[in-house]
Amino acid sequence: MRLTQFASILAAGFVAAVQALDESPIPGYGVQEPSWEVETTPGGPKMILNGTVQQVHAQLLEINPNYDDDFAAVLEKRETPVLDKRDDIKCNNWPKARRGDIEAGIKHLRGVSGQPSNGPGPGNCGRVSCSWGAAIWWCNDNTFTKVLPSFNNIADGAQVVLNNCQRGGVKLSGQDFHSDNWNVIVRGDSC
């Protein structure tokens, strides 16, 4: 079973736990590592695991080597929503990442259940996906904790960057700003 399918059973609270990462995507911004409340077996007790969606999947496989098979019955393929055009996008302002690797991160995020929460800013970011040198960051510029309806909102922001920032070649980067003071960064990163 593919890692992208695993994400659909991550049930719950993306609670940002303050832990140092290598580097903020924006100078002067704080960094938080996401925490996920997940079941290790169907109907079993929940655990809090830290990291990106890819790191949490690896931890779950260490705890339960049959994790993917155990949750196969609850996995569903989700449709990609139609995205509204946004007018506040900055392109190629970060180190670039391969489009296909960002698309994989978007797919992982679309499968996550629950509501993401990002601590108060302004200037608070969490790296929610990172693999093969391609990262998706979610930043909160509000003075209060920001809670989104779903991880699809973050995935949508990353998709808007992909749709608007690739100008030839296979690599790109960018940032999608939302009117309610949060943004998504797509970039090359160490992972």
C-alpha atoms as a PDB file:
ATOM      1  CA  MET A   1       0.000   0.000   0.000  1.00  0.00           C
ATOM      2  CA  ARG A   2       1.333   3.401  -0.862  1.00  0.00           C
ATOM      3  CA  LEU A   3       2.259   6.098   1.624  1.00  0.00           C
ATOM      4  CA  THR A   4      -0.232   8.430   0.009  1.00  0.00           C
ATOM      5  CA  GLN A   5      -3.066   6.101   0.962  1.00  0.00           C
ATOM      6  CA  PHE A   6      -1.942   5.825   4.566  1.00  0.00           C
ATOM      7  CA  ALA A   7      -2.652   9.474   5.204  1.00  0.00           C
ATOM      8  CA  SER A   8      -6.393   9.057   4.831  1.00  0.00           C
ATOM      9  CA  ILE A   9      -6.603   7.260   8.161  1.00  0.00           C
ATOM     10  CA  LEU A  10      -4.672   9.812  10.160  1.00  0.00           C
ATOM     11  CA  ALA A  11      -7.553  10.724  12.357  1.00  0.00           C
ATOM     12  CA  ALA A  12      -7.241  13.845  14.150  1.00  0.00           C
ATOM     13  CA  GLY A  13      -5.503  16.554  15.718  1.00  0.00           C
ATOM     14  CA  PHE A  14      -2.674  18.154  13.994  1.00  0.00           C
ATOM     15  CA  VAL A  15      -1.500  20.007  17.076  1.00  0.00           C
ATOM     16  CA  ALA A  16       1.598  22.063  16.573  1.00  0.00           C
ATOM     17  CA  ALA A  17       4.142  21.121  19.216  1.00  0.00           C
ATOM     18  CA  VAL A  18       6.981  23.558  19.570  1.00  0.00           C
ATOM     19  CA  GLN A  19      10.154  21.781  18.564  1.00  0.00           C
ATOM     20  CA  ALA A  20      13.138  23.084  16.669  1.00  0.00           C
ATOM     21  CA  LEU A  21      13.536  22.208  13.020  1.00  0.00           C
ATOM     22  CA  ASP A  22      16.569  23.022  10.925  1.00  0.00           C
ATOM     23  CA  GLU A  23      15.466  26.375   9.540  1.00  0.00           C
ATOM     24  CA  SER A  24      12.410  28.579   9.169  1.00  0.00           C
ATOM     25  CA  PRO A  25      11.172  29.039   5.605  1.00  0.00           C
ATOM     26  CA  ILE A  26      10.965  32.782   6.276  1.00  0.00           C
ATOM     27  CA  PRO A  27      13.728  34.596   8.204  1.00  0.00           C
ATOM     28  CA  GLY A  28      12.431  35.719  11.590  1.00  0.00           C
ATOM     29  CA  TYR A  29       9.491  33.300  11.631  1.00  0.00           C
ATOM     30  CA  GLY A  30       9.100  30.656  14.325  1.00  0.00           C
ATOM     31  CA  VAL A  31       9.000  26.965  13.461  1.00  0.00           C
ATOM     32  CA  GLN A  32       6.773  24.279  14.923  1.00  0.00           C
ATOM     33  CA  GLU A  33       6.884  20.560  14.233  1.00  0.00           C
ATOM     34  CA  PRO A  34       3.401  19.131  13.742  1.00  0.00           C
ATOM     35  CA  SER A  35       2.033  16.487  16.093  1.00  0.00           C
ATOM     36  CA  TRP A  36      -0.595  13.986  14.946  1.00  0.00           C
ATOM     37  CA  GLU A  37      -3.039  11.994  17.062  1.00  0.00           C
ATOM     38  CA  VAL A  38      -3.263   8.582  15.365  1.00  0.00           C
ATOM     39  CA  GLU A  39      -4.469   5.026  15.967  1.00  0.00           C
ATOM     40  CA  THR A  40      -1.802   2.344  15.536  1.00  0.00           C
ATOM     41  CA  THR A  41      -4.424  -0.393  15.044  1.00  0.00           C
ATOM     42  CA  PRO A  42      -8.066  -0.049  13.930  1.00  0.00           C
ATOM     43  CA  GLY A  43     -10.139   0.937  16.966  1.00  0.00           C
ATOM     44  CA  GLY A  44      -7.035   0.863  19.158  1.00  0.00           C
ATOM     45  CA  PRO A  45      -5.703   3.542  21.474  1.00  0.00           C
ATOM     46  CA  LYS A  46      -4.485   6.795  19.991  1.00  0.00           C
ATOM     47  CA  MET A  47      -0.906   8.009  20.171  1.00  0.00           C
ATOM     48  CA  ILE A  48       0.677  11.379  19.520  1.00  0.00           C
ATOM     49  CA  LEU A  49       3.493  11.202  16.949  1.00  0.00           C
ATOM     50  CA  ASN A  50       5.579  14.119  15.696  1.00  0.00           C
ATOM     51  CA  GLY A  51       6.883  15.078  12.278  1.00  0.00           C
ATOM     52  CA  THR A  52       5.728  15.413   8.710  1.00  0.00           C
ATOM     53  CA  VAL A  53       3.104  13.074   7.283  1.00  0.00           C
ATOM     54  CA  GLN A  54       5.952  10.976   5.847  1.00  0.00           C
ATOM     55  CA  GLN A  55       7.785  10.725   9.203  1.00  0.00           C
ATOM     56  CA  VAL A  56       4.603   9.770  11.053  1.00  0.00           C
ATOM     57  CA  HIS A  57       3.929   6.994   8.543  1.00  0.00           C
ATOM     58  CA  ALA A  58       7.438   5.584   9.113  1.00  0.00           C
ATOM     59  CA  GLN A  59       6.895   5.678  12.906  1.00  0.00           C
ATOM     60  CA  LEU A  60       3.553   3.895  12.549  1.00  0.00           C
ATOM     61  CA  LEU A  61       5.186   1.125  10.519  1.00  0.00           C
ATOM     62  CA  GLU A  62       7.816   0.692  13.263  1.00  0.00           C
ATOM     63  CA  ILE A  63       5.069   0.392  15.896  1.00  0.00           C
ATOM     64  CA  ASN A  64       2.825  -1.815  13.758  1.00  0.00           C
ATOM     65  CA  PRO A  65       4.492  -3.412  10.705  1.00  0.00           C
ATOM     66  CA  ASN A  66       0.998  -4.406   9.449  1.00  0.00           C
ATOM     67  CA  TYR A  67      -0.284  -0.838   9.708  1.00  0.00           C
ATOM     68  CA  ASP A  68      -0.988  -0.357   5.979  1.00  0.00           C
ATOM     69  CA  ASP A  69      -2.776  -3.715   5.675  1.00  0.00           C
ATOM     70  CA  ASP A  70      -4.735  -3.158   8.915  1.00  0.00           C
ATOM     71  CA  PHE A  71      -6.163   0.116   7.617  1.00  0.00           C
ATOM     72  CA  ALA A  72      -6.620  -0.884   3.953  1.00  0.00           C
ATOM     73  CA  ALA A  73     -10.399  -1.219   4.343  1.00  0.00           C
ATOM     74  CA  VAL A  74     -10.847   2.411   5.447  1.00  0.00           C
ATOM     75  CA  LEU A  75      -8.790   4.007   2.693  1.00  0.00           C
ATOM     76  CA  GLU A  76     -10.675   5.919   0.024  1.00  0.00           C
ATOM     77  CA  LYS A  77      -9.469   7.877  -2.949  1.00  0.00           C
ATOM     78  CA  ARG A  78     -10.536  11.510  -2.690  1.00  0.00           C
ATOM     79  CA  GLU A  79     -11.333  13.837  -5.547  1.00  0.00           C
ATOM     80  CA  THR A  80      -9.297  16.974  -6.060  1.00  0.00           C
ATOM     81  CA  PRO A  81     -11.569  19.992  -5.574  1.00  0.00           C
ATOM     82  CA  VAL A  82     -11.893  22.780  -8.100  1.00  0.00           C
ATOM     83  CA  LEU A  83      -9.657  25.625  -6.975  1.00  0.00           C
ATOM     84  CA  ASP A  84     -10.581  29.279  -7.082  1.00  0.00           C
ATOM     85  CA  LYS A  85      -7.989  31.547  -8.634  1.00  0.00           C
ATOM     86  CA  ARG A  86      -6.181  33.586  -6.006  1.00  0.00           C
ATOM     87  CA  ASP A  87      -4.427  36.810  -6.734  1.00  0.00           C
ATOM     88  CA  ASP A  88      -1.725  36.927  -4.054  1.00  0.00           C
ATOM     89  CA  ILE A  89       0.845  34.382  -5.158  1.00  0.00           C
ATOM     90  CA  LYS A  90       4.611  34.823  -5.270  1.00  0.00           C
ATOM     91  CA  CYS A  91       6.512  32.490  -7.557  1.00  0.00           C
ATOM     92  CA  ASN A  92      10.034  31.123  -7.524  1.00  0.00           C
ATOM     93  CA  ASN A  93      11.057  33.074  -4.424  1.00  0.00           C
ATOM     94  CA  TRP A  94      12.488  29.999  -2.620  1.00  0.00           C
ATOM     95  CA  PRO A  95      14.798  27.132  -3.500  1.00  0.00           C
ATOM     96  CA  LYS A  96      12.926  25.064  -6.091  1.00  0.00           C
ATOM     97  CA  ALA A  97      11.475  21.555  -5.728  1.00  0.00           C
ATOM     98  CA  ARG A  98      10.456  18.972  -8.308  1.00  0.00           C
ATOM     99  CA  ARG A  99       6.788  19.232  -9.266  1.00  0.00           C
ATOM    100  CA  GLY A 100       6.147  15.480  -8.943  1.00  0.00           C
ATOM    101  CA  ASP A 101       7.478  15.413  -5.381  1.00  0.00           C
ATOM    102  CA  ILE A 102       5.251  18.339  -4.365  1.00  0.00           C
ATOM    103  CA  GLU A 103       2.281  16.595  -6.010  1.00  0.00           C
ATOM    104  CA  ALA A 104       2.984  13.550  -3.824  1.00  0.00           C
ATOM    105  CA  GLY A 105       2.974  15.776  -0.718  1.00  0.00           C
ATOM    106  CA  ILE A 106      -0.336  17.319  -1.784  1.00  0.00           C
ATOM    107  CA  LYS A 107      -1.823  13.857  -2.229  1.00  0.00           C
ATOM    108  CA  HIS A 108      -0.664  12.850   1.265  1.00  0.00           C
ATOM    109  CA  LEU A 109      -2.251  15.949   2.803  1.00  0.00           C
ATOM    110  CA  ARG A 110      -5.541  15.372   0.979  1.00  0.00           C
ATOM    111  CA  GLY A 111      -5.814  12.022   2.736  1.00  0.00           C
ATOM    112  CA  VAL A 112      -5.436  13.346   6.283  1.00  0.00           C
ATOM    113  CA  SER A 113      -8.556  13.532   8.441  1.00  0.00           C
ATOM    114  CA  GLY A 114      -9.019  16.189  11.077  1.00  0.00           C
ATOM    115  CA  GLN A 115      -8.484  19.912  11.346  1.00  0.00           C
ATOM    116  CA  PRO A 116      -4.994  21.398  11.257  1.00  0.00           C
ATOM    117  CA  SER A 117      -4.091  23.899  13.952  1.00  0.00           C
ATOM    118  CA  ASN A 118      -1.121  26.260  13.897  1.00  0.00           C
ATOM    119  CA  GLY A 119      -0.064  28.245  16.959  1.00  0.00           C
ATOM    120  CA  PRO A 120      -0.270  32.011  17.192  1.00  0.00           C
ATOM    121  CA  GLY A 121       1.952  34.239  15.107  1.00  0.00           C
ATOM    122  CA  PRO A 122       2.468  36.403  13.445  1.00  0.00           C
ATOM    123  CA  GLY A 123       5.151  34.434  11.742  1.00  0.00           C
ATOM    124  CA  ASN A 124       4.604  30.848  12.884  1.00  0.00           C
ATOM    125  CA  CYS A 125       5.251  28.030  10.402  1.00  0.00           C
ATOM    126  CA  GLY A 126       5.044  24.239  10.414  1.00  0.00           C
ATOM    127  CA  ARG A 127       6.497  21.931   7.779  1.00  0.00           C
ATOM    128  CA  VAL A 128       3.567  19.612   7.085  1.00  0.00           C
ATOM    129  CA  SER A 129       5.115  17.587   4.266  1.00  0.00           C
ATOM    130  CA  CYS A 130       8.695  16.935   3.230  1.00  0.00           C
ATOM    131  CA  SER A 131      10.160  14.209   1.048  1.00  0.00           C
ATOM    132  CA  TRP A 132      12.767  13.988  -1.695  1.00  0.00           C
ATOM    133  CA  GLY A 133      13.835  17.580  -1.068  1.00  0.00           C
ATOM    134  CA  ALA A 134      10.316  18.964  -1.610  1.00  0.00           C
ATOM    135  CA  ALA A 135       8.506  20.656   1.286  1.00  0.00           C
ATOM    136  CA  ILE A 136       5.099  22.153   1.979  1.00  0.00           C
ATOM    137  CA  TRP A 137       5.000  24.658   4.836  1.00  0.00           C
ATOM    138  CA  TRP A 138       1.924  26.179   6.465  1.00  0.00           C
ATOM    139  CA  CYS A 139       2.394  29.598   8.125  1.00  0.00           C
ATOM    140  CA  ASN A 140       0.077  31.523  10.447  1.00  0.00           C
ATOM    141  CA  ASP A 141       0.342  35.319  10.535  1.00  0.00           C
ATOM    142  CA  ASN A 142      -2.545  35.804  12.971  1.00  0.00           C
ATOM    143  CA  THR A 143      -1.997  36.696  16.630  1.00  0.00           C
ATOM    144  CA  PHE A 144      -4.143  33.695  17.588  1.00  0.00           C
ATOM    145  CA  THR A 145      -4.057  29.967  16.872  1.00  0.00           C
ATOM    146  CA  LYS A 146      -5.401  29.289  13.382  1.00  0.00           C
ATOM    147  CA  VAL A 147      -7.597  26.218  12.811  1.00  0.00           C
ATOM    148  CA  LEU A 148      -8.531  25.245   9.250  1.00  0.00           C
ATOM    149  CA  PRO A 149     -11.546  23.130   8.238  1.00  0.00           C
ATOM    150  CA  SER A 150      -9.277  20.396   6.824  1.00  0.00           C
ATOM    151  CA  PHE A 151      -5.843  19.558   5.471  1.00  0.00           C
ATOM    152  CA  ASN A 152      -7.362  20.023   2.018  1.00  0.00           C
ATOM    153  CA  ASN A 153      -7.048  23.774   2.625  1.00  0.00           C
ATOM    154  CA  ILE A 154      -3.258  23.457   2.880  1.00  0.00           C
ATOM    155  CA  ALA A 155      -3.171  21.064  -0.074  1.00  0.00           C
ATOM    156  CA  ASP A 156      -5.263  23.556  -2.085  1.00  0.00           C
ATOM    157  CA  GLY A 157      -2.751  26.334  -1.372  1.00  0.00           C
ATOM    158  CA  ALA A 158       0.112  24.126  -2.541  1.00  0.00           C
ATOM    159  CA  GLN A 159      -1.865  23.191  -5.663  1.00  0.00           C
ATOM    160  CA  VAL A 160      -2.439  26.876  -6.458  1.00  0.00           C
ATOM    161  CA  VAL A 161       1.337  27.390  -6.347  1.00  0.00           C
ATOM    162  CA  LEU A 162       1.831  24.442  -8.719  1.00  0.00           C
ATOM    163  CA  ASN A 163      -0.855  25.734 -11.078  1.00  0.00           C
ATOM    164  CA  ASN A 164       0.572  29.251 -11.219  1.00  0.00           C
ATOM    165  CA  CYS A 165       4.332  29.054 -10.686  1.00  0.00           C
ATOM    166  CA  GLN A 166       5.739  26.474 -13.059  1.00  0.00           C
ATOM    167  CA  ARG A 167       7.279  28.248 -16.025  1.00  0.00           C
ATOM    168  CA  GLY A 168       9.110  25.595 -17.968  1.00  0.00           C
ATOM    169  CA  GLY A 169      11.244  22.898 -16.459  1.00  0.00           C
ATOM    170  CA  VAL A 170      10.230  20.514 -13.716  1.00  0.00           C
ATOM    171  CA  LYS A 171      11.125  22.588 -10.650  1.00  0.00           C
ATOM    172  CA  LEU A 172       9.308  25.457  -8.987  1.00  0.00           C
ATOM    173  CA  SER A 173       8.620  27.195  -5.690  1.00  0.00           C
ATOM    174  CA  GLY A 174       6.129  29.733  -4.442  1.00  0.00           C
ATOM    175  CA  GLN A 175       3.876  31.062  -1.744  1.00  0.00           C
ATOM    176  CA  ASP A 176       0.079  31.380  -1.712  1.00  0.00           C
ATOM    177  CA  PHE A 177      -1.288  34.042   0.655  1.00  0.00           C
ATOM    178  CA  HIS A 178      -4.838  33.769   1.992  1.00  0.00           C
ATOM    179  CA  SER A 179      -6.978  36.756   2.932  1.00  0.00           C
ATOM    180  CA  ASP A 180      -7.370  35.567   6.526  1.00  0.00           C
ATOM    181  CA  ASN A 181      -3.641  35.829   7.317  1.00  0.00           C
ATOM    182  CA  TRP A 182      -2.184  32.418   6.621  1.00  0.00           C
ATOM    183  CA  ASN A 183      -0.114  31.128   3.750  1.00  0.00           C
ATOM    184  CA  VAL A 184       1.337  28.014   2.157  1.00  0.00           C
ATOM    185  CA  ILE A 185       4.922  27.750   0.945  1.00  0.00           C
ATOM    186  CA  VAL A 186       6.094  25.202  -1.629  1.00  0.00           C
ATOM    187  CA  ARG A 187       9.884  24.916  -1.819  1.00  0.00           C
ATOM    188  CA  GLY A 188      12.981  22.821  -1.966  1.00  0.00           C
ATOM    189  CA  ASP A 189      14.116  21.807   1.518  1.00  0.00           C
ATOM    190  CA  SER A 190      16.342  19.367   3.418  1.00  0.00           C
ATOM    191  CA  CYS A 191      14.428  16.144   3.911  1.00  0.00           C
END
